[in-house]
Amino acid sequence: MVADVELSDERFCVTSPALVASLMPRFPNILSHTCVNDKGERFIDVAAHTSVPHLLEHLVIDEQARVDATPHNVVFVGKTAWVNRASRKARVQVSYASEPVARQAFEVAAHELNVALLAQACRER
């Protein structure tokens, strides 16, 4: 499944330790996800300073893994890339076993991420 993401403001483009920490109660497994990156083999290696769309990818995968009723041997994978960094546009792709579950996971993840980003913006004021 592919989602094109446009971030409304530059301040919402990169994660922070506080942003990630605020999402941990709802998505406790994201830091242990396998993640191909320049710093290590897990999402924890880049979580504190990665793109917000990349964080969204891991939130969607985590939500799918939590609610999907398929056998536990299903592995969800994703890929995120900026389509146009200057315009704050990215593409998030995730695999899925069930399209309805994947759509729901995107909705839940996007909602929780937006709530966390808005809370962060209010704290910065």
PDB file of N, CA and C in Angstrom:
ATOM      1  N   MET A   1       0.853  -1.161   0.000  1.00  0.00           N
ATOM      2  CA  MET A   1       0.000   0.000   0.000  1.00  0.00           C
ATOM      3  C   MET A   1       0.903   1.228   0.000  1.00  0.00           C
ATOM      4  N   VAL A   2       0.489   2.226  -0.743  1.00  0.00           N
ATOM      5  CA  VAL A   2       1.279   3.444  -0.886  1.00  0.00           C
ATOM      6  C   VAL A   2       0.463   4.633  -0.395  1.00  0.00           C
ATOM      7  N   ALA A   3       1.115   5.483   0.381  1.00  0.00           N
ATOM      8  CA  ALA A   3       0.484   6.724   0.824  1.00  0.00           C
ATOM      9  C   ALA A   3       1.421   7.878   0.508  1.00  0.00           C
ATOM     10  N   ASP A   4       0.904   8.865  -0.178  1.00  0.00           N
ATOM     11  CA  ASP A   4       1.655  10.085  -0.406  1.00  0.00           C
ATOM     12  C   ASP A   4       1.351  11.030   0.742  1.00  0.00           C
ATOM     13  N   VAL A   5       2.402  11.537   1.359  1.00  0.00           N
ATOM     14  CA  VAL A   5       2.288  12.343   2.573  1.00  0.00           C
ATOM     15  C   VAL A   5       2.845  13.724   2.292  1.00  0.00           C
ATOM     16  N   GLU A   6       2.106  14.742   2.712  1.00  0.00           N
ATOM     17  CA  GLU A   6       2.596  16.118   2.609  1.00  0.00           C
ATOM     18  C   GLU A   6       2.544  16.738   4.000  1.00  0.00           C
ATOM     19  N   LEU A   7       3.677  17.186   4.466  1.00  0.00           N
ATOM     20  CA  LEU A   7       3.765  17.784   5.789  1.00  0.00           C
ATOM     21  C   LEU A   7       3.499  19.280   5.682  1.00  0.00           C
ATOM     22  N   SER A   8       2.708  19.797   6.596  1.00  0.00           N
ATOM     23  CA  SER A   8       2.243  21.177   6.486  1.00  0.00           C
ATOM     24  C   SER A   8       3.291  22.222   6.811  1.00  0.00           C
ATOM     25  N   ASP A   9       4.331  21.831   7.549  1.00  0.00           N
ATOM     26  CA  ASP A   9       5.317  22.816   7.988  1.00  0.00           C
ATOM     27  C   ASP A   9       6.664  22.119   8.157  1.00  0.00           C
ATOM     28  N   GLU A  10       7.723  22.838   7.937  1.00  0.00           N
ATOM     29  CA  GLU A  10       9.073  22.280   8.063  1.00  0.00           C
ATOM     30  C   GLU A  10       9.334  21.702   9.457  1.00  0.00           C
ATOM     31  N   ARG A  11       8.766  22.305  10.470  1.00  0.00           N
ATOM     32  CA  ARG A  11       9.016  21.821  11.841  1.00  0.00           C
ATOM     33  C   ARG A  11       8.450  20.431  12.085  1.00  0.00           C
ATOM     34  N   PHE A  12       7.611  19.939  11.180  1.00  0.00           N
ATOM     35  CA  PHE A  12       7.039  18.606  11.311  1.00  0.00           C
ATOM     36  C   PHE A  12       7.756  17.556  10.467  1.00  0.00           C
ATOM     37  N   CYS A  13       8.889  17.902   9.892  1.00  0.00           N
ATOM     38  CA  CYS A  13       9.570  16.994   8.956  1.00  0.00           C
ATOM     39  C   CYS A  13      10.520  16.000   9.609  1.00  0.00           C
ATOM     40  N   VAL A  14      11.071  16.341  10.765  1.00  0.00           N
ATOM     41  CA  VAL A  14      12.091  15.498  11.390  1.00  0.00           C
ATOM     42  C   VAL A  14      11.654  15.152  12.809  1.00  0.00           C
ATOM     43  N   THR A  15      11.882  13.932  13.204  1.00  0.00           N
ATOM     44  CA  THR A  15      11.518  13.485  14.540  1.00  0.00           C
ATOM     45  C   THR A  15      12.448  14.056  15.597  1.00  0.00           C
ATOM     46  N   SER A  16      12.013  13.932  16.829  1.00  0.00           N
ATOM     47  CA  SER A  16      12.825  14.295  17.983  1.00  0.00           C
ATOM     48  C   SER A  16      12.657  13.184  19.017  1.00  0.00           C
ATOM     49  N   PRO A  17      13.568  13.103  19.977  1.00  0.00           N
ATOM     50  CA  PRO A  17      13.385  12.099  21.031  1.00  0.00           C
ATOM     51  C   PRO A  17      12.045  12.265  21.759  1.00  0.00           C
ATOM     52  N   ALA A  18      11.634  13.502  21.995  1.00  0.00           N
ATOM     53  CA  ALA A  18      10.367  13.745  22.695  1.00  0.00           C
ATOM     54  C   ALA A  18       9.169  13.266  21.876  1.00  0.00           C
ATOM     55  N   LEU A  19       9.199  13.496  20.580  1.00  0.00           N
ATOM     56  CA  LEU A  19       8.097  13.037  19.725  1.00  0.00           C
ATOM     57  C   LEU A  19       7.992  11.514  19.771  1.00  0.00           C
ATOM     58  N   VAL A  20       9.116  10.842  19.594  1.00  0.00           N
ATOM     59  CA  VAL A  20       9.110   9.379  19.615  1.00  0.00           C
ATOM     60  C   VAL A  20       8.640   8.872  20.973  1.00  0.00           C
ATOM     61  N   ALA A  21       9.138   9.468  22.041  1.00  0.00           N
ATOM     62  CA  ALA A  21       8.743   9.050  23.397  1.00  0.00           C
ATOM     63  C   ALA A  21       7.242   9.212  23.617  1.00  0.00           C
ATOM     64  N   SER A  22       6.671  10.256  23.056  1.00  0.00           N
ATOM     65  CA  SER A  22       5.233  10.491  23.242  1.00  0.00           C
ATOM     66  C   SER A  22       4.379   9.424  22.562  1.00  0.00           C
ATOM     67  N   LEU A  23       4.934   8.748  21.562  1.00  0.00           N
ATOM     68  CA  LEU A  23       4.187   7.716  20.836  1.00  0.00           C
ATOM     69  C   LEU A  23       4.412   6.310  21.391  1.00  0.00           C
ATOM     70  N   MET A  24       5.395   6.162  22.258  1.00  0.00           N
ATOM     71  CA  MET A  24       5.731   4.828  22.771  1.00  0.00           C
ATOM     72  C   MET A  24       4.590   4.138  23.535  1.00  0.00           C
ATOM     73  N   PRO A  25       3.785   4.848  24.315  1.00  0.00           N
ATOM     74  CA  PRO A  25       2.694   4.142  24.998  1.00  0.00           C
ATOM     75  C   PRO A  25       1.721   3.460  24.026  1.00  0.00           C
ATOM     76  N   ARG A  26       1.474   4.083  22.890  1.00  0.00           N
ATOM     77  CA  ARG A  26       0.532   3.537  21.902  1.00  0.00           C
ATOM     78  C   ARG A  26       1.209   2.561  20.947  1.00  0.00           C
ATOM     79  N   PHE A  27       2.503   2.745  20.691  1.00  0.00           N
ATOM     80  CA  PHE A  27       3.257   1.920  19.740  1.00  0.00           C
ATOM     81  C   PHE A  27       4.548   1.435  20.408  1.00  0.00           C
ATOM     82  N   PRO A  28       4.449   0.565  21.409  1.00  0.00           N
ATOM     83  CA  PRO A  28       5.616   0.210  22.219  1.00  0.00           C
ATOM     84  C   PRO A  28       6.696  -0.603  21.515  1.00  0.00           C
ATOM     85  N   ASN A  29       6.403  -1.137  20.353  1.00  0.00           N
ATOM     86  CA  ASN A  29       7.364  -2.027  19.687  1.00  0.00           C
ATOM     87  C   ASN A  29       8.170  -1.378  18.572  1.00  0.00           C
ATOM     88  N   ILE A  30       7.905  -0.123  18.246  1.00  0.00           N
ATOM     89  CA  ILE A  30       8.542   0.464  17.061  1.00  0.00           C
ATOM     90  C   ILE A  30      10.059   0.516  17.147  1.00  0.00           C
ATOM     91  N   LEU A  31      10.594   0.745  18.325  1.00  0.00           N
ATOM     92  CA  LEU A  31      12.052   0.879  18.431  1.00  0.00           C
ATOM     93  C   LEU A  31      12.781  -0.426  18.153  1.00  0.00           C
ATOM     94  N   SER A  32      12.112  -1.542  18.328  1.00  0.00           N
ATOM     95  CA  SER A  32      12.751  -2.839  18.078  1.00  0.00           C
ATOM     96  C   SER A  32      12.573  -3.326  16.641  1.00  0.00           C
ATOM     97  N   HIS A  33      11.851  -2.573  15.821  1.00  0.00           N
ATOM     98  CA  HIS A  33      11.670  -2.980  14.421  1.00  0.00           C
ATOM     99  C   HIS A  33      13.014  -3.069  13.701  1.00  0.00           C
ATOM    100  N   THR A  34      13.132  -4.057  12.852  1.00  0.00           N
ATOM    101  CA  THR A  34      14.264  -4.096  11.935  1.00  0.00           C
ATOM    102  C   THR A  34      14.116  -2.908  10.996  1.00  0.00           C
ATOM    103  N   CYS A  35      15.234  -2.262  10.679  1.00  0.00           N
ATOM    104  CA  CYS A  35      15.177  -1.064   9.844  1.00  0.00           C
ATOM    105  C   CYS A  35      16.510  -0.912   9.117  1.00  0.00           C
ATOM    106  N   VAL A  36      16.446  -0.882   7.806  1.00  0.00           N
ATOM    107  CA  VAL A  36      17.656  -0.669   7.009  1.00  0.00           C
ATOM    108  C   VAL A  36      17.962   0.823   7.038  1.00  0.00           C
ATOM    109  N   ASN A  37      19.095   1.164   7.653  1.00  0.00           N
ATOM    110  CA  ASN A  37      19.480   2.569   7.754  1.00  0.00           C
ATOM    111  C   ASN A  37      20.998   2.665   7.873  1.00  0.00           C
ATOM    112  N   ASP A  38      21.507   3.877   7.830  1.00  0.00           N
ATOM    113  CA  ASP A  38      22.960   4.098   7.852  1.00  0.00           C
ATOM    114  C   ASP A  38      23.588   3.958   9.231  1.00  0.00           C
ATOM    115  N   LYS A  39      22.785   3.855  10.273  1.00  0.00           N
ATOM    116  CA  LYS A  39      23.320   3.866  11.638  1.00  0.00           C
ATOM    117  C   LYS A  39      23.275   2.517  12.342  1.00  0.00           C
ATOM    118  N   GLY A  40      22.489   1.584  11.853  1.00  0.00           N
ATOM    119  CA  GLY A  40      22.355   0.299  12.528  1.00  0.00           C
ATOM    120  C   GLY A  40      21.321  -0.584  11.852  1.00  0.00           C
ATOM    121  N   GLU A  41      20.825  -1.534  12.607  1.00  0.00           N
ATOM    122  CA  GLU A  41      19.891  -2.517  12.046  1.00  0.00           C
ATOM    123  C   GLU A  41      18.485  -2.405  12.596  1.00  0.00           C
ATOM    124  N   ARG A  42      18.261  -1.458  13.479  1.00  0.00           N
ATOM    125  CA  ARG A  42      16.955  -1.305  14.121  1.00  0.00           C
ATOM    126  C   ARG A  42      16.479   0.145  14.002  1.00  0.00           C
ATOM    127  N   PHE A  43      15.185   0.310  14.145  1.00  0.00           N
ATOM    128  CA  PHE A  43      14.619   1.652  14.079  1.00  0.00           C
ATOM    129  C   PHE A  43      15.135   2.531  15.216  1.00  0.00           C
ATOM    130  N   ILE A  44      15.428   1.940  16.356  1.00  0.00           N
ATOM    131  CA  ILE A  44      15.954   2.718  17.492  1.00  0.00           C
ATOM    132  C   ILE A  44      17.224   3.487  17.121  1.00  0.00           C
ATOM    133  N   ASP A  45      17.981   2.968  16.155  1.00  0.00           N
ATOM    134  CA  ASP A  45      19.240   3.602  15.759  1.00  0.00           C
ATOM    135  C   ASP A  45      19.036   4.953  15.075  1.00  0.00           C
ATOM    136  N   VAL A  46      17.846   5.198  14.532  1.00  0.00           N
ATOM    137  CA  VAL A  46      17.584   6.455  13.827  1.00  0.00           C
ATOM    138  C   VAL A  46      16.330   7.178  14.312  1.00  0.00           C
ATOM    139  N   ALA A  47      15.570   6.570  15.190  1.00  0.00           N
ATOM    140  CA  ALA A  47      14.248   7.083  15.561  1.00  0.00           C
ATOM    141  C   ALA A  47      14.264   8.524  16.046  1.00  0.00           C
ATOM    142  N   ALA A  48      15.281   8.918  16.788  1.00  0.00           N
ATOM    143  CA  ALA A  48      15.316  10.261  17.375  1.00  0.00           C
ATOM    144  C   ALA A  48      15.605  11.366  16.369  1.00  0.00           C
ATOM    145  N   HIS A  49      16.048  10.994  15.181  1.00  0.00           N
ATOM    146  CA  HIS A  49      16.345  12.003  14.165  1.00  0.00           C
ATOM    147  C   HIS A  49      16.205  11.385  12.767  1.00  0.00           C
ATOM    148  N   THR A  50      14.969  11.135  12.391  1.00  0.00           N
ATOM    149  CA  THR A  50      14.661  10.605  11.063  1.00  0.00           C
ATOM    150  C   THR A  50      13.488  11.402  10.512  1.00  0.00           C
ATOM    151  N   SER A  51      13.087  11.118   9.310  1.00  0.00           N
ATOM    152  CA  SER A  51      11.948  11.855   8.765  1.00  0.00           C
ATOM    153  C   SER A  51      10.656  11.397   9.444  1.00  0.00           C
ATOM    154  N   VAL A  52       9.737  12.310   9.603  1.00  0.00           N
ATOM    155  CA  VAL A  52       8.438  11.983  10.176  1.00  0.00           C
ATOM    156  C   VAL A  52       7.704  10.964   9.289  1.00  0.00           C
ATOM    157  N   PRO A  53       7.790  11.051   7.966  1.00  0.00           N
ATOM    158  CA  PRO A  53       7.176   9.989   7.166  1.00  0.00           C
ATOM    159  C   PRO A  53       7.774   8.601   7.458  1.00  0.00           C
ATOM    160  N   HIS A  54       9.074   8.536   7.736  1.00  0.00           N
ATOM    161  CA  HIS A  54       9.693   7.261   8.096  1.00  0.00           C
ATOM    162  C   HIS A  54       9.106   6.754   9.417  1.00  0.00           C
ATOM    163  N   LEU A  55       8.894   7.646  10.365  1.00  0.00           N
ATOM    164  CA  LEU A  55       8.235   7.278  11.614  1.00  0.00           C
ATOM    165  C   LEU A  55       6.830   6.751  11.326  1.00  0.00           C
ATOM    166  N   LEU A  56       6.099   7.428  10.450  1.00  0.00           N
ATOM    167  CA  LEU A  56       4.757   6.979  10.078  1.00  0.00           C
ATOM    168  C   LEU A  56       4.794   5.548   9.545  1.00  0.00           C
ATOM    169  N   GLU A  57       5.760   5.252   8.707  1.00  0.00           N
ATOM    170  CA  GLU A  57       5.914   3.892   8.173  1.00  0.00           C
ATOM    171  C   GLU A  57       5.959   2.872   9.308  1.00  0.00           C
ATOM    172  N   HIS A  58       6.787   3.141  10.304  1.00  0.00           N
ATOM    173  CA  HIS A  58       6.934   2.197  11.412  1.00  0.00           C
ATOM    174  C   HIS A  58       5.684   2.135  12.288  1.00  0.00           C
ATOM    175  N   LEU A  59       4.990   3.236  12.435  1.00  0.00           N
ATOM    176  CA  LEU A  59       3.736   3.221  13.182  1.00  0.00           C
ATOM    177  C   LEU A  59       2.694   2.359  12.479  1.00  0.00           C
ATOM    178  N   VAL A  60       2.611   2.482  11.166  1.00  0.00           N
ATOM    179  CA  VAL A  60       1.654   1.680  10.380  1.00  0.00           C
ATOM    180  C   VAL A  60       1.994   0.200  10.497  1.00  0.00           C
ATOM    181  N   ILE A  61       3.250  -0.126  10.350  1.00  0.00           N
ATOM    182  CA  ILE A  61       3.664  -1.530  10.462  1.00  0.00           C
ATOM    183  C   ILE A  61       3.343  -2.064  11.852  1.00  0.00           C
ATOM    184  N   ASP A  62       3.641  -1.281  12.876  1.00  0.00           N
ATOM    185  CA  ASP A  62       3.378  -1.709  14.245  1.00  0.00           C
ATOM    186  C   ASP A  62       1.889  -1.943  14.473  1.00  0.00           C
ATOM    187  N   GLU A  63       1.071  -1.041  13.985  1.00  0.00           N
ATOM    188  CA  GLU A  63      -0.383  -1.175  14.144  1.00  0.00           C
ATOM    189  C   GLU A  63      -0.895  -2.401  13.397  1.00  0.00           C
ATOM    190  N   GLN A  64      -0.391  -2.641  12.200  1.00  0.00           N
ATOM    191  CA  GLN A  64      -0.809  -3.842  11.469  1.00  0.00           C
ATOM    192  C   GLN A  64      -0.444  -5.107  12.238  1.00  0.00           C
ATOM    193  N   ALA A  65       0.775  -5.149  12.729  1.00  0.00           N
ATOM    194  CA  ALA A  65       1.228  -6.333  13.455  1.00  0.00           C
ATOM    195  C   ALA A  65       0.393  -6.549  14.713  1.00  0.00           C
ATOM    196  N   ARG A  66      -0.065  -5.477  15.320  1.00  0.00           N
ATOM    197  CA  ARG A  66      -0.865  -5.580  16.543  1.00  0.00           C
ATOM    198  C   ARG A  66      -2.264  -6.116  16.284  1.00  0.00           C
ATOM    199  N   VAL A  67      -2.898  -5.687  15.191  1.00  0.00           N
ATOM    200  CA  VAL A  67      -4.311  -6.027  14.980  1.00  0.00           C
ATOM    201  C   VAL A  67      -4.561  -7.093  13.918  1.00  0.00           C
ATOM    202  N   ASP A  68      -3.589  -7.404  13.103  1.00  0.00           N
ATOM    203  CA  ASP A  68      -3.814  -8.362  12.021  1.00  0.00           C
ATOM    204  C   ASP A  68      -3.990  -9.768  12.595  1.00  0.00           C
ATOM    205  N   ALA A  69      -5.025 -10.450  12.155  1.00  0.00           N
ATOM    206  CA  ALA A  69      -5.333 -11.793  12.662  1.00  0.00           C
ATOM    207  C   ALA A  69      -4.626 -12.895  11.881  1.00  0.00           C
ATOM    208  N   THR A  70      -3.787 -12.527  10.920  1.00  0.00           N
ATOM    209  CA  THR A  70      -3.069 -13.549  10.150  1.00  0.00           C
ATOM    210  C   THR A  70      -2.009 -14.199  11.031  1.00  0.00           C
ATOM    211  N   PRO A  71      -1.482 -15.332  10.608  1.00  0.00           N
ATOM    212  CA  PRO A  71      -0.466 -16.014  11.424  1.00  0.00           C
ATOM    213  C   PRO A  71       0.721 -15.107  11.746  1.00  0.00           C
ATOM    214  N   HIS A  72       1.349 -15.361  12.862  1.00  0.00           N
ATOM    215  CA  HIS A  72       2.444 -14.517  13.336  1.00  0.00           C
ATOM    216  C   HIS A  72       3.708 -14.603  12.482  1.00  0.00           C
ATOM    217  N   ASN A  73       3.726 -15.485  11.500  1.00  0.00           N
ATOM    218  CA  ASN A  73       4.909 -15.576  10.652  1.00  0.00           C
ATOM    219  C   ASN A  73       4.880 -14.538   9.520  1.00  0.00           C
ATOM    220  N   VAL A  74       3.849 -13.712   9.468  1.00  0.00           N
ATOM    221  CA  VAL A  74       3.775 -12.642   8.477  1.00  0.00           C
ATOM    222  C   VAL A  74       4.740 -11.539   8.886  1.00  0.00           C
ATOM    223  N   VAL A  75       5.549 -11.106   7.938  1.00  0.00           N
ATOM    224  CA  VAL A  75       6.500 -10.022   8.187  1.00  0.00           C
ATOM    225  C   VAL A  75       6.067  -8.832   7.346  1.00  0.00           C
ATOM    226  N   PHE A  76       5.860  -7.715   7.999  1.00  0.00           N
ATOM    227  CA  PHE A  76       5.496  -6.495   7.285  1.00  0.00           C
ATOM    228  C   PHE A  76       6.764  -5.696   7.015  1.00  0.00           C
ATOM    229  N   VAL A  77       6.869  -5.169   5.811  1.00  0.00           N
ATOM    230  CA  VAL A  77       8.025  -4.356   5.449  1.00  0.00           C
ATOM    231  C   VAL A  77       7.534  -3.033   4.876  1.00  0.00           C
ATOM    232  N   GLY A  78       8.413  -2.047   4.900  1.00  0.00           N
ATOM    233  CA  GLY A  78       8.049  -0.743   4.376  1.00  0.00           C
ATOM    234  C   GLY A  78       9.234  -0.036   3.767  1.00  0.00           C
ATOM    235  N   LYS A  79       8.907   1.042   3.103  1.00  0.00           N
ATOM    236  CA  LYS A  79       9.927   1.877   2.472  1.00  0.00           C
ATOM    237  C   LYS A  79       9.383   3.301   2.436  1.00  0.00           C
ATOM    238  N   THR A  80      10.233   4.240   2.795  1.00  0.00           N
ATOM    239  CA  THR A  80       9.834   5.642   2.785  1.00  0.00           C
ATOM    240  C   THR A  80      10.902   6.456   2.079  1.00  0.00           C
ATOM    241  N   ALA A  81      10.466   7.398   1.259  1.00  0.00           N
ATOM    242  CA  ALA A  81      11.405   8.276   0.562  1.00  0.00           C
ATOM    243  C   ALA A  81      10.748   9.633   0.333  1.00  0.00           C
ATOM    244  N   TRP A  82      11.577  10.646   0.374  1.00  0.00           N
ATOM    245  CA  TRP A  82      11.085  11.967   0.001  1.00  0.00           C
ATOM    246  C   TRP A  82      10.848  11.978  -1.496  1.00  0.00           C
ATOM    247  N   VAL A  83       9.701  12.440  -1.918  1.00  0.00           N
ATOM    248  CA  VAL A  83       9.395  12.639  -3.339  1.00  0.00           C
ATOM    249  C   VAL A  83       9.906  14.012  -3.747  1.00  0.00           C
ATOM    250  N   ASN A  84       9.680  14.979  -2.868  1.00  0.00           N
ATOM    251  CA  ASN A  84      10.167  16.340  -3.068  1.00  0.00           C
ATOM    252  C   ASN A  84      10.399  16.933  -1.686  1.00  0.00           C
ATOM    253  N   ARG A  85      11.634  16.876  -1.226  1.00  0.00           N
ATOM    254  CA  ARG A  85      11.950  17.318   0.141  1.00  0.00           C
ATOM    255  C   ARG A  85      11.646  18.800   0.334  1.00  0.00           C
ATOM    256  N   ALA A  86      11.925  19.624  -0.664  1.00  0.00           N
ATOM    257  CA  ALA A  86      11.684  21.060  -0.547  1.00  0.00           C
ATOM    258  C   ALA A  86      10.190  21.371  -0.354  1.00  0.00           C
ATOM    259  N   SER A  87       9.342  20.552  -0.947  1.00  0.00           N
ATOM    260  CA  SER A  87       7.891  20.735  -0.802  1.00  0.00           C
ATOM    261  C   SER A  87       7.307  19.902   0.327  1.00  0.00           C
ATOM    262  N   ARG A  88       8.178  19.194   1.073  1.00  0.00           N
ATOM    263  CA  ARG A  88       7.768  18.375   2.210  1.00  0.00           C
ATOM    264  C   ARG A  88       6.823  17.254   1.800  1.00  0.00           C
ATOM    265  N   LYS A  89       7.097  16.634   0.640  1.00  0.00           N
ATOM    266  CA  LYS A  89       6.264  15.539   0.140  1.00  0.00           C
ATOM    267  C   LYS A  89       7.060  14.239   0.148  1.00  0.00           C
ATOM    268  N   ALA A  90       6.441  13.200   0.703  1.00  0.00           N
ATOM    269  CA  ALA A  90       7.103  11.900   0.809  1.00  0.00           C
ATOM    270  C   ALA A  90       6.138  10.800   0.403  1.00  0.00           C
ATOM    271  N   ARG A  91       6.691   9.643   0.152  1.00  0.00           N
ATOM    272  CA  ARG A  91       5.899   8.455  -0.174  1.00  0.00           C
ATOM    273  C   ARG A  91       6.232   7.368   0.839  1.00  0.00           C
ATOM    274  N   VAL A  92       5.193   6.841   1.467  1.00  0.00           N
ATOM    275  CA  VAL A  92       5.326   5.761   2.441  1.00  0.00           C
ATOM    276  C   VAL A  92       4.675   4.522   1.836  1.00  0.00           C
ATOM    277  N   GLN A  93       5.450   3.437   1.782  1.00  0.00           N
ATOM    278  CA  GLN A  93       4.941   2.172   1.247  1.00  0.00           C
ATOM    279  C   GLN A  93       5.066   1.097   2.314  1.00  0.00           C
ATOM    280  N   VAL A  94       4.007   0.316   2.498  1.00  0.00           N
ATOM    281  CA  VAL A  94       4.059  -0.797   3.439  1.00  0.00           C
ATOM    282  C   VAL A  94       3.387  -2.019   2.817  1.00  0.00           C
ATOM    283  N   SER A  95       3.916  -3.171   3.172  1.00  0.00           N
ATOM    284  CA  SER A  95       3.271  -4.409   2.747  1.00  0.00           C
ATOM    285  C   SER A  95       2.097  -4.676   3.678  1.00  0.00           C
ATOM    286  N   TYR A  96       1.231  -5.584   3.261  1.00  0.00           N
ATOM    287  CA  TYR A  96       0.075  -5.902   4.094  1.00  0.00           C
ATOM    288  C   TYR A  96      -0.438  -7.294   3.762  1.00  0.00           C
ATOM    289  N   ALA A  97      -1.107  -7.884   4.733  1.00  0.00           N
ATOM    290  CA  ALA A  97      -1.760  -9.172   4.528  1.00  0.00           C
ATOM    291  C   ALA A  97      -3.241  -8.960   4.247  1.00  0.00           C
ATOM    292  N   SER A  98      -3.780  -7.854   4.758  1.00  0.00           N
ATOM    293  CA  SER A  98      -5.192  -7.526   4.597  1.00  0.00           C
ATOM    294  C   SER A  98      -5.312  -6.041   4.265  1.00  0.00           C
ATOM    295  N   GLU A  99      -5.910  -5.736   3.133  1.00  0.00           N
ATOM    296  CA  GLU A  99      -6.046  -4.333   2.746  1.00  0.00           C
ATOM    297  C   GLU A  99      -6.868  -3.526   3.743  1.00  0.00           C
ATOM    298  N   PRO A 100      -7.996  -4.024   4.234  1.00  0.00           N
ATOM    299  CA  PRO A 100      -8.745  -3.238   5.220  1.00  0.00           C
ATOM    300  C   PRO A 100      -7.935  -2.972   6.500  1.00  0.00           C
ATOM    301  N   VAL A 101      -7.183  -3.949   6.941  1.00  0.00           N
ATOM    302  CA  VAL A 101      -6.350  -3.762   8.138  1.00  0.00           C
ATOM    303  C   VAL A 101      -5.278  -2.711   7.855  1.00  0.00           C
ATOM    304  N   ALA A 102      -4.676  -2.761   6.678  1.00  0.00           N
ATOM    305  CA  ALA A 102      -3.637  -1.787   6.330  1.00  0.00           C
ATOM    306  C   ALA A 102      -4.215  -0.374   6.260  1.00  0.00           C
ATOM    307  N   ARG A 103      -5.385  -0.231   5.670  1.00  0.00           N
ATOM    308  CA  ARG A 103      -6.019   1.095   5.603  1.00  0.00           C
ATOM    309  C   ARG A 103      -6.312   1.626   7.005  1.00  0.00           C
ATOM    310  N   GLN A 104      -6.853   0.755   7.847  1.00  0.00           N
ATOM    311  CA  GLN A 104      -7.142   1.142   9.226  1.00  0.00           C
ATOM    312  C   GLN A 104      -5.852   1.512   9.960  1.00  0.00           C
ATOM    313  N   ALA A 105      -4.791   0.750   9.728  1.00  0.00           N
ATOM    314  CA  ALA A 105      -3.505   1.028  10.376  1.00  0.00           C
ATOM    315  C   ALA A 105      -2.972   2.395   9.968  1.00  0.00           C
ATOM    316  N   PHE A 106      -3.105   2.736   8.678  1.00  0.00           N
ATOM    317  CA  PHE A 106      -2.685   4.066   8.226  1.00  0.00           C
ATOM    318  C   PHE A 106      -3.502   5.152   8.922  1.00  0.00           C
ATOM    319  N   GLU A 107      -4.810   4.940   9.029  1.00  0.00           N
ATOM    320  CA  GLU A 107      -5.667   5.936   9.671  1.00  0.00           C
ATOM    321  C   GLU A 107      -5.295   6.132  11.133  1.00  0.00           C
ATOM    322  N   VAL A 108      -5.121   5.038  11.851  1.00  0.00           N
ATOM    323  CA  VAL A 108      -4.764   5.111  13.269  1.00  0.00           C
ATOM    324  C   VAL A 108      -3.399   5.770  13.437  1.00  0.00           C
ATOM    325  N   ALA A 109      -2.426   5.313  12.664  1.00  0.00           N
ATOM    326  CA  ALA A 109      -1.063   5.842  12.772  1.00  0.00           C
ATOM    327  C   ALA A 109      -1.019   7.331  12.431  1.00  0.00           C
ATOM    328  N   ALA A 110      -1.678   7.728  11.361  1.00  0.00           N
ATOM    329  CA  ALA A 110      -1.685   9.143  10.974  1.00  0.00           C
ATOM    330  C   ALA A 110      -2.362   9.994  12.040  1.00  0.00           C
ATOM    331  N   HIS A 111      -3.462   9.506  12.583  1.00  0.00           N
ATOM    332  CA  HIS A 111      -4.155  10.255  13.636  1.00  0.00           C
ATOM    333  C   HIS A 111      -3.262  10.428  14.864  1.00  0.00           C
ATOM    334  N   GLU A 112      -2.689   9.344  15.347  1.00  0.00           N
ATOM    335  CA  GLU A 112      -1.842   9.410  16.544  1.00  0.00           C
ATOM    336  C   GLU A 112      -0.614  10.295  16.304  1.00  0.00           C
ATOM    337  N   LEU A 113      -0.036  10.206  15.121  1.00  0.00           N
ATOM    338  CA  LEU A 113       1.118  11.031  14.792  1.00  0.00           C
ATOM    339  C   LEU A 113       0.729  12.506  14.739  1.00  0.00           C
ATOM    340  N   ASN A 114      -0.396  12.817  14.128  1.00  0.00           N
ATOM    341  CA  ASN A 114      -0.849  14.210  14.077  1.00  0.00           C
ATOM    342  C   ASN A 114      -1.103  14.768  15.469  1.00  0.00           C
ATOM    343  N   VAL A 115      -1.717  13.985  16.338  1.00  0.00           N
ATOM    344  CA  VAL A 115      -1.960  14.425  17.713  1.00  0.00           C
ATOM    345  C   VAL A 115      -0.627  14.721  18.405  1.00  0.00           C
ATOM    346  N   ALA A 116       0.335  13.828  18.235  1.00  0.00           N
ATOM    347  CA  ALA A 116       1.650  14.007  18.868  1.00  0.00           C
ATOM    348  C   ALA A 116       2.376  15.226  18.309  1.00  0.00           C
ATOM    349  N   LEU A 117       2.303  15.431  17.002  1.00  0.00           N
ATOM    350  CA  LEU A 117       2.952  16.598  16.396  1.00  0.00           C
ATOM    351  C   LEU A 117       2.324  17.905  16.854  1.00  0.00           C
ATOM    352  N   LEU A 118       1.011  17.930  16.945  1.00  0.00           N
ATOM    353  CA  LEU A 118       0.337  19.150  17.419  1.00  0.00           C
ATOM    354  C   LEU A 118       0.667  19.425  18.875  1.00  0.00           C
ATOM    355  N   ALA A 119       0.734  18.380  19.678  1.00  0.00           N
ATOM    356  CA  ALA A 119       1.108  18.565  21.085  1.00  0.00           C
ATOM    357  C   ALA A 119       2.530  19.098  21.179  1.00  0.00           C
ATOM    358  N   GLN A 120       3.403  18.598  20.349  1.00  0.00           N
ATOM    359  CA  GLN A 120       4.798  19.073  20.332  1.00  0.00           C
ATOM    360  C   GLN A 120       4.838  20.536  19.931  1.00  0.00           C
ATOM    361  N   ALA A 121       4.065  20.907  18.923  1.00  0.00           N
ATOM    362  CA  ALA A 121       4.031  22.303  18.469  1.00  0.00           C
ATOM    363  C   ALA A 121       3.521  23.227  19.572  1.00  0.00           C
ATOM    364  N   CYS A 122       2.546  22.781  20.333  1.00  0.00           N
ATOM    365  CA  CYS A 122       2.017  23.596  21.447  1.00  0.00           C
ATOM    366  C   CYS A 122       3.062  23.761  22.540  1.00  0.00           C
ATOM    367  N   ARG A 123       3.836  22.713  22.813  1.00  0.00           N
ATOM    368  CA  ARG A 123       4.884  22.800  23.838  1.00  0.00           C
ATOM    369  C   ARG A 123       5.999  23.755  23.412  1.00  0.00           C
ATOM    370  N   GLU A 124       6.226  23.865  22.099  1.00  0.00           N
ATOM    371  CA  GLU A 124       7.297  24.724  21.589  1.00  0.00           C
ATOM    372  C   GLU A 124       6.940  26.202  21.658  1.00  0.00           C
ATOM    373  N   ARG A 125       5.675  26.502  21.830  1.00  0.00           N
ATOM    374  CA  ARG A 125       5.262  27.913  21.866  1.00  0.00           C
ATOM    375  C   ARG A 125       5.676  28.600  23.105  1.00  0.00           C
TER     376      ARG A 125
END
